[in-house]
Amino acid sequence: MEVLTFDQLPKAVSELLEKVSKIEDILSHDHPNETDSDCLFSIKQASAFLNLSISTIYGKVCRREIPVSKQGKKLYFNKNELLEWIRSGKKSTLSEIANSINLIPGRRR
């Protein structure tokens, strides 16, 4: 690693910022924008996103367990719908269950 002098520091910072900017550009082209609500995944992308095998996803599609759109023979998965589907499977914690029981009218402890 090269030792920089105080006079070389502004140039080195400038070069570093340029390299970081190029890396950000490359990464933004490789991955869809996270805030894009219309982001559609192919089955391969959905498989990677959900960390499930493609055959598992096909099984869930057949059993209508996972949100999917079909155009011809192609399957498309909306990212936001997949996130909502994942969240819908959340199990309640014991404290959440206890709180919901305490909120029931007429229920005494």
Protein backbone atom coordinates (compact mmCIF):
# COMPACT_ATOMS: atom_id res chain seq x y z
CA MET A 1 0.00 0.00 0.00
CA GLU A 2 1.30 3.39 -1.01
CA VAL A 3 1.86 6.00 1.69
CA LEU A 4 0.23 9.32 0.75
CA THR A 5 1.51 12.74 1.65
CA PHE A 6 -0.80 15.53 2.75
CA ASP A 7 -0.47 17.20 -0.66
CA GLN A 8 -1.55 14.00 -2.47
CA LEU A 9 -4.64 13.50 -0.31
CA PRO A 10 -7.14 15.65 -2.32
CA LYS A 11 -6.28 13.83 -5.55
CA ALA A 12 -6.52 10.43 -3.86
CA VAL A 13 -9.94 11.28 -2.37
CA SER A 14 -11.13 12.47 -5.77
CA GLU A 15 -10.04 9.21 -7.43
CA LEU A 16 -11.67 7.21 -4.66
CA LEU A 17 -14.98 9.05 -5.11
CA GLU A 18 -14.89 8.38 -8.86
CA LYS A 19 -14.32 4.66 -8.27
CA VAL A 20 -17.15 4.47 -5.73
CA SER A 21 -19.44 6.25 -8.17
CA LYS A 22 -18.59 3.73 -10.91
CA ILE A 23 -19.26 0.83 -8.53
CA GLU A 24 -22.63 2.31 -7.59
CA ASP A 25 -23.55 2.68 -11.28
CA ILE A 26 -22.64 -0.94 -11.98
CA LEU A 27 -24.63 -2.19 -8.99
CA SER A 28 -27.69 -0.10 -9.81
CA HIS A 29 -27.79 -1.59 -13.34
CA ASP A 30 -27.44 -5.18 -12.08
CA HIS A 31 -30.27 -4.99 -9.56
CA PRO A 32 -33.76 -3.54 -9.97
CA ASN A 33 -34.61 -0.52 -7.87
CA GLU A 34 -35.73 -1.70 -4.42
CA THR A 35 -38.48 0.93 -4.29
CA ASP A 36 -39.96 -0.06 -7.65
CA SER A 37 -43.44 -1.34 -6.80
CA ASP A 38 -43.91 -2.93 -10.24
CA CYS A 39 -40.78 -5.06 -10.02
CA LEU A 40 -41.53 -8.43 -11.63
CA PHE A 41 -39.45 -11.55 -11.09
CA SER A 42 -39.05 -14.55 -13.34
CA ILE A 43 -39.28 -17.93 -11.65
CA LYS A 44 -35.48 -18.03 -11.36
CA GLN A 45 -35.38 -14.60 -9.74
CA ALA A 46 -38.27 -15.50 -7.42
CA SER A 47 -36.44 -18.70 -6.49
CA ALA A 48 -33.32 -16.74 -5.54
CA PHE A 49 -35.35 -14.04 -3.75
CA LEU A 50 -37.34 -16.55 -1.67
CA ASN A 51 -34.45 -18.98 -1.27
CA LEU A 52 -36.68 -21.82 -2.53
CA SER A 53 -36.00 -24.30 -5.31
CA ILE A 54 -37.74 -23.78 -8.63
CA SER A 55 -39.60 -27.08 -8.21
CA THR A 56 -40.90 -25.95 -4.80
CA ILE A 57 -42.19 -22.74 -6.36
CA TYR A 58 -43.90 -24.69 -9.17
CA GLY A 59 -45.59 -26.84 -6.50
CA LYS A 60 -46.79 -23.78 -4.61
CA VAL A 61 -48.10 -22.27 -7.86
CA CYS A 62 -50.03 -25.49 -8.63
CA ARG A 63 -51.55 -25.49 -5.12
CA ARG A 64 -52.26 -21.74 -5.41
CA GLU A 65 -50.22 -21.04 -2.29
CA ILE A 66 -48.11 -18.23 -3.75
CA PRO A 67 -49.16 -15.06 -5.62
CA VAL A 68 -48.32 -15.36 -9.31
CA SER A 69 -49.30 -13.92 -12.68
CA LYS A 70 -49.26 -16.06 -15.79
CA GLN A 71 -48.94 -14.78 -19.33
CA GLY A 72 -48.91 -17.63 -21.82
CA LYS A 73 -46.50 -20.20 -20.43
CA LYS A 74 -44.48 -17.66 -18.44
CA LEU A 75 -44.87 -17.08 -14.71
CA TYR A 76 -44.28 -13.66 -13.19
CA PHE A 77 -43.96 -12.80 -9.51
CA ASN A 78 -44.50 -9.29 -8.15
CA LYS A 79 -41.88 -8.46 -5.54
CA ASN A 80 -44.29 -6.60 -3.24
CA GLU A 81 -46.83 -9.44 -3.42
CA LEU A 82 -44.10 -11.93 -2.49
CA LEU A 83 -43.05 -9.78 0.47
CA GLU A 84 -46.68 -9.54 1.61
CA TRP A 85 -47.06 -13.32 1.19
CA ILE A 86 -43.98 -13.88 3.37
CA ARG A 87 -45.26 -11.49 6.03
CA SER A 88 -48.69 -13.17 6.06
CA GLY A 89 -47.04 -16.34 7.37
CA LYS A 90 -45.68 -14.58 10.46
CA LYS A 91 -46.32 -16.48 13.67
CA SER A 92 -47.43 -14.46 16.69
CA THR A 93 -45.14 -14.33 19.70
CA LEU A 94 -46.40 -15.41 23.12
CA SER A 95 -46.60 -11.80 24.26
CA GLU A 96 -48.66 -10.86 21.17
CA ILE A 97 -51.05 -13.74 21.89
CA ALA A 98 -51.32 -12.70 25.54
CA ASN A 99 -52.02 -9.09 24.55
CA SER A 100 -54.73 -10.15 22.12
CA ILE A 101 -56.39 -12.28 24.82
CA ASN A 102 -56.34 -9.35 27.24
CA LEU A 103 -58.12 -7.19 24.64
CA ILE A 104 -61.10 -9.56 24.36
CA PRO A 105 -64.15 -7.89 26.02
CA GLY A 106 -65.53 -9.73 29.03
CA ARG A 107 -62.37 -11.78 29.42
CA ARG A 108 -61.04 -11.87 32.98
CA ARG A 109 -57.60 -12.85 34.02
